[in-house]
Amino acid sequence: MSEQRFPFIHRRRVRWGESDPARIAYTARFLDFCMDAIEAFYQDRLGVGFYELNVDHGIGTPFVHVALDFRSPLTPRDMLAVEVRLARLGASSLTFEVAGRVAERLAFSGKLVSAWVDGRGDTMRPIRVPDEFRAKLEADAEFAAGG
């Protein structure tokens, strides 16, 4: 894990294979951009990605709500910076606010909610965010709350 910086920003280039016949990023890829940035946030803040949470800890974090607003197109010329803020640290869920920018131009913004569940069974029953991870997320939740 690295020294925490607020807000968390994940940078990546938009790739050719992510564009459509209109020569802009395919609409469905915007959710991938968000998920990639949130997984990078997990890696940075928690020291684990989605795979490690599932395999090593038996924890799933499925997304139960997604809302995205599209502001401007993205092309393979763009270096995308996705800002991830932990807007709410709930008992068994995390609410993220994201904003994708190319330099100062806002390309998209959104809100995503993930639930923490027991990933070992078939029922995916909700669990509390484990204390070891909750402690690592509190500074981000405080930052988002203006603290």
N, C-alpha and C. Protein backbone atom coordinates (compact mmCIF):
# COMPACT_ATOMS: atom_id res chain seq x y z
N MET A 1 0.84 -1.19 0.00
CA MET A 1 0.00 0.00 0.00
C MET A 1 0.88 1.24 0.00
N SER A 2 0.38 2.29 -0.59
CA SER A 2 1.14 3.53 -0.66
C SER A 2 0.62 4.50 0.39
N GLU A 3 1.33 5.61 0.53
CA GLU A 3 0.87 6.68 1.41
C GLU A 3 -0.44 7.20 0.84
N GLN A 4 -1.45 7.34 1.70
CA GLN A 4 -2.76 7.76 1.20
C GLN A 4 -2.73 9.21 0.74
N ARG A 5 -3.31 9.41 -0.43
CA ARG A 5 -3.49 10.74 -0.98
C ARG A 5 -4.98 10.90 -1.25
N PHE A 6 -5.49 12.09 -1.01
CA PHE A 6 -6.91 12.34 -1.16
C PHE A 6 -7.15 13.39 -2.21
N PRO A 7 -8.11 13.22 -3.08
CA PRO A 7 -8.81 11.96 -3.33
C PRO A 7 -7.90 11.00 -4.08
N PHE A 8 -8.32 9.74 -4.14
CA PHE A 8 -7.58 8.73 -4.89
C PHE A 8 -7.83 8.96 -6.38
N ILE A 9 -6.76 8.93 -7.19
CA ILE A 9 -6.91 9.12 -8.64
C ILE A 9 -6.19 7.99 -9.36
N HIS A 10 -6.95 7.34 -10.25
CA HIS A 10 -6.42 6.24 -11.07
C HIS A 10 -6.30 6.75 -12.51
N ARG A 11 -5.08 6.69 -13.04
CA ARG A 11 -4.84 7.19 -14.40
C ARG A 11 -4.61 6.04 -15.36
N ARG A 12 -5.14 6.21 -16.56
CA ARG A 12 -4.96 5.21 -17.62
C ARG A 12 -5.29 5.85 -18.97
N ARG A 13 -4.71 5.31 -19.99
CA ARG A 13 -5.02 5.77 -21.35
C ARG A 13 -6.23 4.99 -21.86
N VAL A 14 -7.11 5.68 -22.57
CA VAL A 14 -8.21 5.02 -23.26
C VAL A 14 -7.60 4.29 -24.45
N ARG A 15 -7.95 3.03 -24.62
CA ARG A 15 -7.34 2.22 -25.67
C ARG A 15 -8.25 2.13 -26.91
N TRP A 16 -7.60 1.85 -28.04
CA TRP A 16 -8.29 1.70 -29.32
C TRP A 16 -9.42 0.68 -29.23
N GLY A 17 -9.17 -0.45 -28.60
CA GLY A 17 -10.17 -1.51 -28.51
C GLY A 17 -11.37 -1.14 -27.65
N GLU A 18 -11.31 -0.02 -26.97
CA GLU A 18 -12.43 0.42 -26.14
C GLU A 18 -13.34 1.41 -26.88
N SER A 19 -13.01 1.68 -28.15
CA SER A 19 -13.81 2.63 -28.92
C SER A 19 -14.78 1.88 -29.85
N ASP A 20 -15.77 2.61 -30.31
CA ASP A 20 -16.79 2.02 -31.17
C ASP A 20 -16.71 2.63 -32.58
N PRO A 21 -17.62 2.29 -33.49
CA PRO A 21 -17.56 2.83 -34.84
C PRO A 21 -17.64 4.36 -34.91
N ALA A 22 -18.14 4.99 -33.86
CA ALA A 22 -18.20 6.45 -33.84
C ALA A 22 -16.84 7.05 -33.45
N ARG A 23 -15.86 6.19 -33.18
CA ARG A 23 -14.49 6.58 -32.82
C ARG A 23 -14.38 7.26 -31.46
N ILE A 24 -15.33 6.91 -30.59
CA ILE A 24 -15.28 7.36 -29.20
C ILE A 24 -15.42 6.13 -28.30
N ALA A 25 -15.10 6.28 -27.03
CA ALA A 25 -15.19 5.14 -26.11
C ALA A 25 -16.62 4.60 -26.10
N TYR A 26 -16.73 3.29 -26.24
CA TYR A 26 -18.01 2.58 -26.22
C TYR A 26 -18.68 2.80 -24.86
N THR A 27 -19.95 3.11 -24.87
CA THR A 27 -20.68 3.46 -23.66
C THR A 27 -20.49 2.44 -22.53
N ALA A 28 -20.55 1.16 -22.82
CA ALA A 28 -20.44 0.13 -21.78
C ALA A 28 -19.07 0.14 -21.11
N ARG A 29 -18.07 0.69 -21.76
CA ARG A 29 -16.72 0.74 -21.17
C ARG A 29 -16.63 1.70 -19.99
N PHE A 30 -17.53 2.68 -19.90
CA PHE A 30 -17.46 3.64 -18.82
C PHE A 30 -17.60 2.95 -17.46
N LEU A 31 -18.44 1.94 -17.37
CA LEU A 31 -18.55 1.19 -16.12
C LEU A 31 -17.24 0.45 -15.84
N ASP A 32 -16.62 -0.09 -16.87
CA ASP A 32 -15.31 -0.73 -16.69
C ASP A 32 -14.28 0.27 -16.16
N PHE A 33 -14.30 1.50 -16.69
CA PHE A 33 -13.36 2.52 -16.21
C PHE A 33 -13.56 2.74 -14.71
N CYS A 34 -14.82 2.79 -14.28
CA CYS A 34 -15.13 2.98 -12.86
C CYS A 34 -14.67 1.79 -12.02
N MET A 35 -15.00 0.59 -12.49
CA MET A 35 -14.63 -0.63 -11.74
C MET A 35 -13.11 -0.77 -11.65
N ASP A 36 -12.39 -0.48 -12.74
CA ASP A 36 -10.93 -0.53 -12.71
C ASP A 36 -10.38 0.44 -11.66
N ALA A 37 -10.94 1.65 -11.62
CA ALA A 37 -10.47 2.66 -10.68
C ALA A 37 -10.78 2.26 -9.23
N ILE A 38 -11.95 1.69 -9.01
CA ILE A 38 -12.31 1.26 -7.65
C ILE A 38 -11.44 0.09 -7.22
N GLU A 39 -11.15 -0.84 -8.13
CA GLU A 39 -10.25 -1.93 -7.76
C GLU A 39 -8.85 -1.40 -7.46
N ALA A 40 -8.39 -0.42 -8.21
CA ALA A 40 -7.09 0.21 -7.92
C ALA A 40 -7.13 0.89 -6.54
N PHE A 41 -8.26 1.50 -6.20
CA PHE A 41 -8.46 2.09 -4.87
C PHE A 41 -8.33 1.00 -3.80
N TYR A 42 -9.00 -0.14 -4.00
CA TYR A 42 -8.89 -1.26 -3.05
C TYR A 42 -7.43 -1.69 -2.90
N GLN A 43 -6.73 -1.84 -4.03
CA GLN A 43 -5.32 -2.26 -3.98
C GLN A 43 -4.51 -1.27 -3.17
N ASP A 44 -4.73 0.01 -3.42
CA ASP A 44 -3.96 1.05 -2.74
C ASP A 44 -4.33 1.15 -1.26
N ARG A 45 -5.60 1.17 -0.97
CA ARG A 45 -6.04 1.41 0.41
C ARG A 45 -6.06 0.14 1.26
N LEU A 46 -6.45 -0.99 0.68
CA LEU A 46 -6.62 -2.22 1.45
C LEU A 46 -5.51 -3.24 1.23
N GLY A 47 -4.73 -3.05 0.17
CA GLY A 47 -3.67 -4.00 -0.14
C GLY A 47 -4.15 -5.25 -0.83
N VAL A 48 -5.42 -5.27 -1.25
CA VAL A 48 -6.00 -6.41 -1.96
C VAL A 48 -6.92 -5.91 -3.07
N GLY A 49 -7.05 -6.70 -4.13
CA GLY A 49 -8.00 -6.41 -5.19
C GLY A 49 -9.23 -7.29 -5.03
N PHE A 50 -10.12 -7.23 -6.00
CA PHE A 50 -11.35 -8.03 -5.95
C PHE A 50 -11.04 -9.52 -5.87
N TYR A 51 -10.06 -9.97 -6.64
CA TYR A 51 -9.73 -11.40 -6.69
C TYR A 51 -9.24 -11.89 -5.33
N GLU A 52 -8.31 -11.14 -4.73
CA GLU A 52 -7.77 -11.55 -3.43
C GLU A 52 -8.85 -11.53 -2.35
N LEU A 53 -9.72 -10.54 -2.39
CA LEU A 53 -10.81 -10.51 -1.41
C LEU A 53 -11.64 -11.79 -1.51
N ASN A 54 -11.97 -12.16 -2.75
CA ASN A 54 -12.79 -13.35 -2.97
C ASN A 54 -12.06 -14.64 -2.61
N VAL A 55 -10.87 -14.82 -3.15
CA VAL A 55 -10.15 -16.09 -2.99
C VAL A 55 -9.51 -16.23 -1.62
N ASP A 56 -8.81 -15.20 -1.17
CA ASP A 56 -8.05 -15.30 0.07
C ASP A 56 -8.87 -15.02 1.32
N HIS A 57 -9.91 -14.19 1.19
CA HIS A 57 -10.69 -13.79 2.36
C HIS A 57 -12.13 -14.30 2.33
N GLY A 58 -12.56 -14.88 1.22
CA GLY A 58 -13.94 -15.37 1.12
C GLY A 58 -14.98 -14.27 1.15
N ILE A 59 -14.60 -13.09 0.66
CA ILE A 59 -15.50 -11.93 0.70
C ILE A 59 -15.80 -11.47 -0.72
N GLY A 60 -17.07 -11.28 -1.02
CA GLY A 60 -17.48 -10.69 -2.27
C GLY A 60 -17.88 -9.24 -2.04
N THR A 61 -17.71 -8.42 -3.07
CA THR A 61 -18.12 -7.01 -2.97
C THR A 61 -18.91 -6.62 -4.23
N PRO A 62 -20.03 -7.31 -4.49
CA PRO A 62 -20.78 -7.01 -5.71
C PRO A 62 -21.37 -5.60 -5.66
N PHE A 63 -21.47 -5.00 -6.83
CA PHE A 63 -22.08 -3.68 -6.92
C PHE A 63 -23.59 -3.85 -7.01
N VAL A 64 -24.31 -3.12 -6.16
CA VAL A 64 -25.76 -3.24 -6.08
C VAL A 64 -26.48 -2.01 -6.62
N HIS A 65 -25.70 -0.96 -6.91
CA HIS A 65 -26.28 0.26 -7.50
C HIS A 65 -25.20 0.96 -8.30
N VAL A 66 -25.57 1.43 -9.50
CA VAL A 66 -24.67 2.20 -10.34
C VAL A 66 -25.48 3.30 -11.02
N ALA A 67 -24.97 4.53 -10.96
CA ALA A 67 -25.56 5.64 -11.69
C ALA A 67 -24.42 6.43 -12.33
N LEU A 68 -24.48 6.61 -13.65
CA LEU A 68 -23.44 7.34 -14.37
C LEU A 68 -24.06 8.44 -15.21
N ASP A 69 -23.42 9.59 -15.21
CA ASP A 69 -23.80 10.71 -16.07
C ASP A 69 -22.66 10.95 -17.04
N PHE A 70 -22.97 10.98 -18.31
CA PHE A 70 -21.97 11.18 -19.35
C PHE A 70 -21.93 12.66 -19.72
N ARG A 71 -20.72 13.24 -19.68
CA ARG A 71 -20.57 14.68 -19.91
C ARG A 71 -19.88 15.01 -21.23
N SER A 72 -18.87 14.21 -21.60
CA SER A 72 -18.16 14.45 -22.86
C SER A 72 -17.53 13.15 -23.31
N PRO A 73 -17.31 13.00 -24.63
CA PRO A 73 -16.78 11.74 -25.15
C PRO A 73 -15.31 11.54 -24.81
N LEU A 74 -14.90 10.29 -24.85
CA LEU A 74 -13.51 9.90 -24.66
C LEU A 74 -13.02 9.25 -25.95
N THR A 75 -11.76 9.48 -26.29
CA THR A 75 -11.17 8.84 -27.46
C THR A 75 -9.85 8.18 -27.06
N PRO A 76 -9.29 7.34 -27.93
CA PRO A 76 -8.00 6.73 -27.62
C PRO A 76 -6.85 7.74 -27.51
N ARG A 77 -7.07 8.98 -27.77
CA ARG A 77 -6.05 10.01 -27.54
C ARG A 77 -6.01 10.47 -26.09
N ASP A 78 -7.04 10.09 -25.32
CA ASP A 78 -7.22 10.65 -23.99
C ASP A 78 -6.51 9.87 -22.88
N MET A 79 -5.88 10.62 -21.98
CA MET A 79 -5.36 10.08 -20.74
C MET A 79 -6.44 10.38 -19.69
N LEU A 80 -7.07 9.33 -19.23
CA LEU A 80 -8.21 9.44 -18.32
C LEU A 80 -7.73 9.38 -16.88
N ALA A 81 -8.21 10.29 -16.06
CA ALA A 81 -7.95 10.29 -14.62
C ALA A 81 -9.30 10.10 -13.93
N VAL A 82 -9.46 8.96 -13.25
CA VAL A 82 -10.72 8.69 -12.55
C VAL A 82 -10.50 8.92 -11.06
N GLU A 83 -11.21 9.90 -10.54
CA GLU A 83 -11.16 10.23 -9.12
C GLU A 83 -12.16 9.34 -8.39
N VAL A 84 -11.71 8.72 -7.31
CA VAL A 84 -12.56 7.84 -6.51
C VAL A 84 -12.63 8.42 -5.10
N ARG A 85 -13.84 8.68 -4.65
CA ARG A 85 -14.07 9.14 -3.27
C ARG A 85 -14.98 8.13 -2.57
N LEU A 86 -14.62 7.77 -1.37
CA LEU A 86 -15.47 6.92 -0.55
C LEU A 86 -16.47 7.83 0.14
N ALA A 87 -17.64 7.98 -0.46
CA ALA A 87 -18.64 8.92 0.04
C ALA A 87 -19.32 8.43 1.31
N ARG A 88 -19.41 7.11 1.47
CA ARG A 88 -20.07 6.56 2.66
C ARG A 88 -19.47 5.21 2.99
N LEU A 89 -19.10 5.05 4.25
CA LEU A 89 -18.61 3.78 4.78
C LEU A 89 -19.72 3.24 5.67
N GLY A 90 -20.55 2.36 5.09
CA GLY A 90 -21.67 1.81 5.84
C GLY A 90 -21.26 0.58 6.63
N ALA A 91 -22.22 -0.01 7.31
CA ALA A 91 -21.94 -1.21 8.08
C ALA A 91 -21.52 -2.36 7.17
N SER A 92 -22.23 -2.53 6.06
CA SER A 92 -21.92 -3.63 5.14
C SER A 92 -21.88 -3.18 3.68
N SER A 93 -21.69 -1.89 3.47
CA SER A 93 -21.63 -1.38 2.09
C SER A 93 -20.68 -0.19 2.02
N LEU A 94 -20.24 0.07 0.79
CA LEU A 94 -19.41 1.23 0.50
C LEU A 94 -20.08 2.00 -0.63
N THR A 95 -20.17 3.31 -0.50
CA THR A 95 -20.70 4.16 -1.55
C THR A 95 -19.55 4.99 -2.10
N PHE A 96 -19.33 4.88 -3.40
CA PHE A 96 -18.27 5.60 -4.07
C PHE A 96 -18.85 6.67 -4.97
N GLU A 97 -18.18 7.81 -5.01
CA GLU A 97 -18.45 8.83 -6.02
C GLU A 97 -17.23 8.86 -6.92
N VAL A 98 -17.47 8.85 -8.22
CA VAL A 98 -16.38 8.84 -9.20
C VAL A 98 -16.55 10.02 -10.16
N ALA A 99 -15.41 10.48 -10.67
CA ALA A 99 -15.42 11.52 -11.70
C ALA A 99 -14.27 11.22 -12.64
N GLY A 100 -14.58 11.06 -13.92
CA GLY A 100 -13.56 10.80 -14.93
C GLY A 100 -13.25 12.08 -15.69
N ARG A 101 -11.97 12.44 -15.72
CA ARG A 101 -11.56 13.68 -16.38
C ARG A 101 -10.41 13.45 -17.34
N VAL A 102 -10.36 14.28 -18.36
CA VAL A 102 -9.21 14.39 -19.24
C VAL A 102 -8.75 15.83 -19.05
N ALA A 103 -7.60 15.98 -18.39
CA ALA A 103 -7.15 17.30 -17.94
C ALA A 103 -8.28 17.89 -17.09
N GLU A 104 -8.79 19.05 -17.45
CA GLU A 104 -9.87 19.68 -16.66
C GLU A 104 -11.27 19.33 -17.18
N ARG A 105 -11.33 18.64 -18.32
CA ARG A 105 -12.63 18.33 -18.94
C ARG A 105 -13.27 17.13 -18.24
N LEU A 106 -14.49 17.31 -17.74
CA LEU A 106 -15.23 16.23 -17.10
C LEU A 106 -15.85 15.35 -18.18
N ALA A 107 -15.51 14.06 -18.17
CA ALA A 107 -16.06 13.11 -19.14
C ALA A 107 -17.28 12.38 -18.57
N PHE A 108 -17.22 12.04 -17.27
CA PHE A 108 -18.35 11.36 -16.63
C PHE A 108 -18.26 11.52 -15.13
N SER A 109 -19.38 11.33 -14.48
CA SER A 109 -19.43 11.29 -13.02
C SER A 109 -20.45 10.23 -12.64
N GLY A 110 -20.33 9.74 -11.42
CA GLY A 110 -21.27 8.71 -11.02
C GLY A 110 -21.18 8.34 -9.56
N LYS A 111 -22.06 7.42 -9.22
CA LYS A 111 -22.15 6.90 -7.86
C LYS A 111 -22.31 5.39 -7.97
N LEU A 112 -21.51 4.66 -7.21
CA LEU A 112 -21.57 3.20 -7.20
C LEU A 112 -21.63 2.72 -5.76
N VAL A 113 -22.45 1.73 -5.50
CA VAL A 113 -22.57 1.16 -4.16
C VAL A 113 -22.24 -0.32 -4.24
N SER A 114 -21.32 -0.75 -3.37
CA SER A 114 -20.99 -2.17 -3.31
C SER A 114 -21.38 -2.71 -1.93
N ALA A 115 -21.87 -3.93 -1.91
CA ALA A 115 -22.23 -4.61 -0.67
C ALA A 115 -21.12 -5.61 -0.35
N TRP A 116 -20.85 -5.79 0.91
CA TRP A 116 -19.86 -6.79 1.34
C TRP A 116 -20.65 -8.03 1.73
N VAL A 117 -20.28 -9.16 1.13
CA VAL A 117 -21.02 -10.39 1.35
C VAL A 117 -20.07 -11.55 1.63
N ASP A 118 -20.62 -12.56 2.29
CA ASP A 118 -19.88 -13.81 2.49
C ASP A 118 -19.82 -14.49 1.13
N GLY A 119 -18.63 -14.60 0.56
CA GLY A 119 -18.47 -15.16 -0.77
C GLY A 119 -18.25 -16.66 -0.79
N ARG A 120 -18.30 -17.29 0.36
CA ARG A 120 -18.03 -18.74 0.41
C ARG A 120 -19.27 -19.58 0.16
N GLY A 121 -20.43 -19.05 0.37
CA GLY A 121 -21.64 -19.84 0.18
C GLY A 121 -22.35 -19.47 -1.10
N ASP A 122 -23.54 -20.03 -1.26
CA ASP A 122 -24.34 -19.76 -2.45
C ASP A 122 -25.29 -18.58 -2.25
N THR A 123 -25.47 -18.12 -1.02
CA THR A 123 -26.50 -17.12 -0.74
C THR A 123 -26.01 -15.69 -0.79
N MET A 124 -24.69 -15.47 -0.73
CA MET A 124 -24.14 -14.12 -0.73
C MET A 124 -24.79 -13.26 0.34
N ARG A 125 -24.81 -13.74 1.57
CA ARG A 125 -25.45 -12.98 2.65
C ARG A 125 -24.55 -11.81 3.06
N PRO A 126 -25.16 -10.67 3.38
CA PRO A 126 -24.38 -9.49 3.76
C PRO A 126 -23.54 -9.75 5.01
N ILE A 127 -22.37 -9.13 5.05
CA ILE A 127 -21.52 -9.17 6.23
C ILE A 127 -21.07 -7.73 6.52
N ARG A 128 -20.66 -7.51 7.74
CA ARG A 128 -20.09 -6.21 8.10
C ARG A 128 -18.73 -6.07 7.41
N VAL A 129 -18.38 -4.85 7.05
CA VAL A 129 -17.04 -4.61 6.53
C VAL A 129 -16.09 -5.01 7.65
N PRO A 130 -15.21 -5.98 7.41
CA PRO A 130 -14.32 -6.44 8.48
C PRO A 130 -13.49 -5.30 9.07
N ASP A 131 -13.27 -5.37 10.38
CA ASP A 131 -12.56 -4.31 11.09
C ASP A 131 -11.21 -3.99 10.46
N GLU A 132 -10.48 -5.02 10.00
CA GLU A 132 -9.16 -4.76 9.41
C GLU A 132 -9.25 -3.87 8.18
N PHE A 133 -10.32 -4.00 7.41
CA PHE A 133 -10.51 -3.16 6.23
C PHE A 133 -11.19 -1.84 6.59
N ARG A 134 -12.14 -1.88 7.51
CA ARG A 134 -12.84 -0.66 7.94
C ARG A 134 -11.83 0.38 8.44
N ALA A 135 -10.89 -0.05 9.25
CA ALA A 135 -9.89 0.87 9.80
C ALA A 135 -9.09 1.55 8.69
N LYS A 136 -8.81 0.83 7.62
CA LYS A 136 -8.04 1.38 6.51
C LYS A 136 -8.86 2.33 5.64
N LEU A 137 -10.19 2.27 5.76
CA LEU A 137 -11.08 3.10 4.94
C LEU A 137 -11.57 4.35 5.65
N GLU A 138 -11.37 4.41 6.97
CA GLU A 138 -11.94 5.52 7.74
C GLU A 138 -11.39 6.88 7.33
N ALA A 139 -10.11 6.98 6.99
CA ALA A 139 -9.54 8.27 6.59
C ALA A 139 -10.19 8.77 5.29
N ASP A 140 -10.46 7.85 4.35
CA ASP A 140 -11.12 8.25 3.10
C ASP A 140 -12.55 8.71 3.37
N ALA A 141 -13.27 8.02 4.25
CA ALA A 141 -14.64 8.40 4.58
C ALA A 141 -14.65 9.77 5.26
N GLU A 142 -13.68 10.02 6.14
CA GLU A 142 -13.57 11.30 6.82
C GLU A 142 -13.26 12.42 5.82
N PHE A 143 -12.36 12.15 4.87
CA PHE A 143 -12.01 13.13 3.84
C PHE A 143 -13.25 13.50 3.03
N ALA A 144 -14.02 12.50 2.61
CA ALA A 144 -15.21 12.75 1.78
C ALA A 144 -16.27 13.53 2.56
N ALA A 145 -16.30 13.33 3.87
CA ALA A 145 -17.27 14.04 4.69
C ALA A 145 -16.84 15.46 5.01
N GLY A 146 -15.64 15.82 4.54
CA GLY A 146 -15.17 17.18 4.76
C GLY A 146 -14.33 17.33 6.01
N GLY A 147 -13.96 16.18 6.60
CA GLY A 147 -13.17 16.21 7.85
C GLY A 147 -11.77 16.23 7.60
